[in-house]
Amino acid sequence: MLHNLYDALNRGEMPASLDLFNTPAGYILAYGATVPADATAGYAPGCLFIHIDGTGYNTVLYCNVGSVTDCDFNVVTVAS
């Protein structure tokens, strides 16, 4: 996996969605066109999800405020 990630980064090519950096507490970074549904397992508390199909700056970054067995991704708001 690490070798494939290195090659993808080196070529500047990444798949359409990916869960990155799996830790004992779960994934800590992910991205994709669809935000994980509530209660999905595998994402660490505090995991950041980059919504690459977001329509604006206020729907691009999400944070898991749930648990590794019961995620709850909420949008991170940017103060203006």
N, C-alpha and C. Protein backbone atom coordinates (compact mmCIF):
# COMPACT_ATOMS: atom_id res chain seq x y z
N MET A 1 0.83 -1.20 0.00
CA MET A 1 0.00 0.00 0.00
C MET A 1 0.87 1.25 0.00
N LEU A 2 1.89 1.29 0.86
CA LEU A 2 2.73 2.48 0.94
C LEU A 2 3.43 2.74 -0.39
N HIS A 3 3.90 1.67 -1.02
CA HIS A 3 4.56 1.81 -2.31
C HIS A 3 3.59 2.37 -3.34
N ASN A 4 2.35 1.88 -3.36
CA ASN A 4 1.34 2.39 -4.30
C ASN A 4 1.02 3.85 -4.03
N LEU A 5 0.92 4.24 -2.76
CA LEU A 5 0.65 5.63 -2.42
C LEU A 5 1.80 6.52 -2.87
N TYR A 6 3.03 6.07 -2.64
CA TYR A 6 4.19 6.84 -3.07
C TYR A 6 4.16 7.05 -4.58
N ASP A 7 3.90 5.98 -5.33
CA ASP A 7 3.84 6.09 -6.79
C ASP A 7 2.73 7.04 -7.23
N ALA A 8 1.58 6.94 -6.60
CA ALA A 8 0.46 7.81 -6.97
C ALA A 8 0.80 9.27 -6.70
N LEU A 9 1.39 9.54 -5.55
CA LEU A 9 1.77 10.91 -5.22
C LEU A 9 2.85 11.41 -6.17
N ASN A 10 3.78 10.57 -6.50
CA ASN A 10 4.87 10.94 -7.38
C ASN A 10 4.36 11.30 -8.77
N ARG A 11 3.34 10.59 -9.25
CA ARG A 11 2.75 10.86 -10.56
C ARG A 11 1.68 11.94 -10.51
N GLY A 12 1.26 12.31 -9.31
CA GLY A 12 0.21 13.31 -9.17
C GLY A 12 -1.17 12.74 -9.47
N GLU A 13 -1.33 11.42 -9.35
CA GLU A 13 -2.60 10.77 -9.63
C GLU A 13 -3.11 10.10 -8.36
N MET A 14 -4.37 10.33 -8.04
CA MET A 14 -4.98 9.69 -6.88
C MET A 14 -6.34 9.14 -7.31
N PRO A 15 -6.80 8.08 -6.66
CA PRO A 15 -8.14 7.56 -6.98
C PRO A 15 -9.22 8.56 -6.61
N ALA A 16 -10.44 8.31 -7.06
CA ALA A 16 -11.56 9.24 -6.83
C ALA A 16 -11.90 9.40 -5.35
N SER A 17 -11.68 8.37 -4.56
CA SER A 17 -11.87 8.47 -3.11
C SER A 17 -10.87 7.56 -2.43
N LEU A 18 -10.51 7.91 -1.20
CA LEU A 18 -9.49 7.15 -0.50
C LEU A 18 -9.54 7.42 0.98
N ASP A 19 -9.34 6.38 1.79
CA ASP A 19 -9.16 6.52 3.23
C ASP A 19 -7.66 6.41 3.47
N LEU A 20 -7.11 7.41 4.14
CA LEU A 20 -5.66 7.47 4.34
C LEU A 20 -5.29 7.38 5.80
N PHE A 21 -4.07 6.96 6.06
CA PHE A 21 -3.48 6.98 7.38
C PHE A 21 -4.31 6.22 8.41
N ASN A 22 -4.38 4.91 8.23
CA ASN A 22 -5.09 4.06 9.18
C ASN A 22 -4.24 3.90 10.43
N THR A 23 -4.78 4.30 11.56
CA THR A 23 -4.10 4.20 12.85
C THR A 23 -4.84 3.18 13.70
N PRO A 24 -4.31 2.82 14.86
CA PRO A 24 -5.06 1.91 15.74
C PRO A 24 -6.44 2.47 16.12
N ALA A 25 -6.61 3.77 16.05
CA ALA A 25 -7.90 4.40 16.38
C ALA A 25 -8.81 4.53 15.18
N GLY A 26 -8.35 4.14 13.97
CA GLY A 26 -9.13 4.28 12.74
C GLY A 26 -8.46 5.24 11.77
N TYR A 27 -9.11 5.47 10.65
CA TYR A 27 -8.57 6.41 9.66
C TYR A 27 -8.61 7.84 10.20
N ILE A 28 -7.56 8.60 9.91
CA ILE A 28 -7.51 9.99 10.39
C ILE A 28 -7.65 11.01 9.26
N LEU A 29 -7.65 10.53 8.00
CA LEU A 29 -7.81 11.42 6.86
C LEU A 29 -8.45 10.64 5.72
N ALA A 30 -9.44 11.25 5.06
CA ALA A 30 -10.10 10.61 3.94
C ALA A 30 -10.62 11.68 2.99
N TYR A 31 -10.91 11.28 1.75
CA TYR A 31 -11.54 12.20 0.82
C TYR A 31 -12.42 11.44 -0.14
N GLY A 32 -13.35 12.14 -0.76
CA GLY A 32 -14.23 11.53 -1.75
C GLY A 32 -15.37 12.45 -2.12
N ALA A 33 -16.21 11.99 -3.04
CA ALA A 33 -17.34 12.78 -3.50
C ALA A 33 -18.53 12.70 -2.57
N THR A 34 -18.55 11.70 -1.68
CA THR A 34 -19.66 11.52 -0.76
C THR A 34 -19.15 11.41 0.66
N VAL A 35 -19.68 12.22 1.56
CA VAL A 35 -19.31 12.17 2.98
C VAL A 35 -19.81 10.85 3.56
N PRO A 36 -18.99 10.14 4.35
CA PRO A 36 -19.45 8.88 4.93
C PRO A 36 -20.76 9.06 5.71
N ALA A 37 -21.64 8.09 5.55
CA ALA A 37 -22.93 8.12 6.25
C ALA A 37 -22.72 7.98 7.75
N ASP A 38 -23.58 8.63 8.53
CA ASP A 38 -23.53 8.48 9.98
C ASP A 38 -23.58 7.00 10.33
N ALA A 39 -22.87 6.64 11.38
CA ALA A 39 -22.79 5.27 11.92
C ALA A 39 -21.86 4.36 11.13
N THR A 40 -21.15 4.89 10.12
CA THR A 40 -20.16 4.10 9.42
C THR A 40 -18.96 3.87 10.35
N ALA A 41 -18.44 2.67 10.37
CA ALA A 41 -17.31 2.34 11.24
C ALA A 41 -15.98 2.54 10.52
N GLY A 42 -14.92 2.78 11.30
CA GLY A 42 -13.57 2.81 10.76
C GLY A 42 -12.88 4.15 10.78
N TYR A 43 -13.58 5.22 11.08
CA TYR A 43 -12.99 6.56 11.09
C TYR A 43 -12.74 7.01 12.53
N ALA A 44 -11.52 7.42 12.81
CA ALA A 44 -11.16 7.83 14.16
C ALA A 44 -11.88 9.13 14.54
N PRO A 45 -12.15 9.30 15.83
CA PRO A 45 -12.66 10.61 16.27
C PRO A 45 -11.65 11.69 15.85
N GLY A 46 -12.15 12.76 15.26
CA GLY A 46 -11.28 13.83 14.77
C GLY A 46 -10.82 13.64 13.34
N CYS A 47 -11.18 12.52 12.71
CA CYS A 47 -10.80 12.28 11.32
C CYS A 47 -11.31 13.42 10.44
N LEU A 48 -10.48 13.88 9.54
CA LEU A 48 -10.89 14.91 8.59
C LEU A 48 -11.27 14.26 7.27
N PHE A 49 -12.39 14.70 6.71
CA PHE A 49 -12.86 14.23 5.41
C PHE A 49 -12.93 15.42 4.47
N ILE A 50 -12.23 15.33 3.35
CA ILE A 50 -12.25 16.39 2.34
C ILE A 50 -13.29 16.00 1.29
N HIS A 51 -14.35 16.80 1.20
CA HIS A 51 -15.46 16.54 0.28
C HIS A 51 -15.11 17.17 -1.06
N ILE A 52 -14.63 16.35 -1.98
CA ILE A 52 -14.13 16.88 -3.25
C ILE A 52 -15.24 17.25 -4.23
N ASP A 53 -16.49 16.96 -3.86
CA ASP A 53 -17.62 17.34 -4.69
C ASP A 53 -18.40 18.48 -4.02
N GLY A 54 -17.77 19.16 -3.08
CA GLY A 54 -18.44 20.26 -2.37
C GLY A 54 -18.77 21.41 -3.31
N THR A 55 -19.83 22.11 -2.99
CA THR A 55 -20.27 23.20 -3.87
C THR A 55 -19.71 24.55 -3.45
N GLY A 56 -19.05 24.61 -2.33
CA GLY A 56 -18.50 25.88 -1.87
C GLY A 56 -17.55 25.66 -0.72
N TYR A 57 -16.93 26.71 -0.28
CA TYR A 57 -15.94 26.59 0.79
C TYR A 57 -16.54 26.06 2.08
N ASN A 58 -17.85 26.22 2.27
CA ASN A 58 -18.47 25.80 3.52
C ASN A 58 -18.96 24.35 3.50
N THR A 59 -18.71 23.60 2.44
CA THR A 59 -19.09 22.19 2.39
C THR A 59 -17.92 21.32 1.93
N VAL A 60 -16.72 21.73 2.20
CA VAL A 60 -15.55 21.02 1.71
C VAL A 60 -14.88 20.18 2.80
N LEU A 61 -14.81 20.65 4.02
CA LEU A 61 -14.09 19.97 5.09
C LEU A 61 -15.04 19.52 6.18
N TYR A 62 -14.93 18.25 6.56
CA TYR A 62 -15.76 17.66 7.61
C TYR A 62 -14.87 17.02 8.66
N CYS A 63 -15.37 16.94 9.89
CA CYS A 63 -14.65 16.33 10.99
C CYS A 63 -15.55 15.31 11.68
N ASN A 64 -14.99 14.13 11.99
CA ASN A 64 -15.75 13.11 12.69
C ASN A 64 -15.84 13.46 14.17
N VAL A 65 -17.04 13.75 14.64
CA VAL A 65 -17.27 14.03 16.06
C VAL A 65 -17.87 12.81 16.76
N GLY A 66 -17.96 11.70 16.02
CA GLY A 66 -18.46 10.45 16.58
C GLY A 66 -17.31 9.59 17.05
N SER A 67 -17.53 8.28 17.02
CA SER A 67 -16.52 7.33 17.47
C SER A 67 -16.05 6.48 16.29
N VAL A 68 -15.07 5.62 16.53
CA VAL A 68 -14.55 4.76 15.48
C VAL A 68 -15.60 3.75 15.01
N THR A 69 -16.54 3.40 15.85
CA THR A 69 -17.58 2.44 15.47
C THR A 69 -18.87 3.11 15.02
N ASP A 70 -18.98 4.43 15.19
CA ASP A 70 -20.22 5.15 14.90
C ASP A 70 -19.87 6.59 14.51
N CYS A 71 -19.43 6.77 13.25
CA CYS A 71 -18.96 8.10 12.85
C CYS A 71 -20.12 9.10 12.73
N ASP A 72 -19.77 10.36 12.86
CA ASP A 72 -20.71 11.47 12.68
C ASP A 72 -19.91 12.64 12.14
N PHE A 73 -19.83 12.75 10.81
CA PHE A 73 -19.05 13.82 10.20
C PHE A 73 -19.89 15.09 10.13
N ASN A 74 -19.35 16.16 10.70
CA ASN A 74 -19.99 17.48 10.66
C ASN A 74 -19.10 18.43 9.89
N VAL A 75 -19.73 19.34 9.16
CA VAL A 75 -18.98 20.31 8.38
C VAL A 75 -18.17 21.22 9.31
N VAL A 76 -16.97 21.54 8.90
CA VAL A 76 -16.12 22.49 9.62
C VAL A 76 -16.41 23.85 9.01
N THR A 77 -16.89 24.77 9.82
CA THR A 77 -17.22 26.10 9.29
C THR A 77 -16.02 27.01 9.39
N VAL A 78 -15.93 27.90 8.42
CA VAL A 78 -14.83 28.86 8.36
C VAL A 78 -15.38 30.22 8.73
N ALA A 79 -14.77 30.82 9.74
CA ALA A 79 -15.20 32.16 10.16
C ALA A 79 -14.80 33.16 9.09
N SER A 80 -15.70 34.10 8.81
CA SER A 80 -15.37 35.10 7.80
C SER A 80 -15.34 36.48 8.42
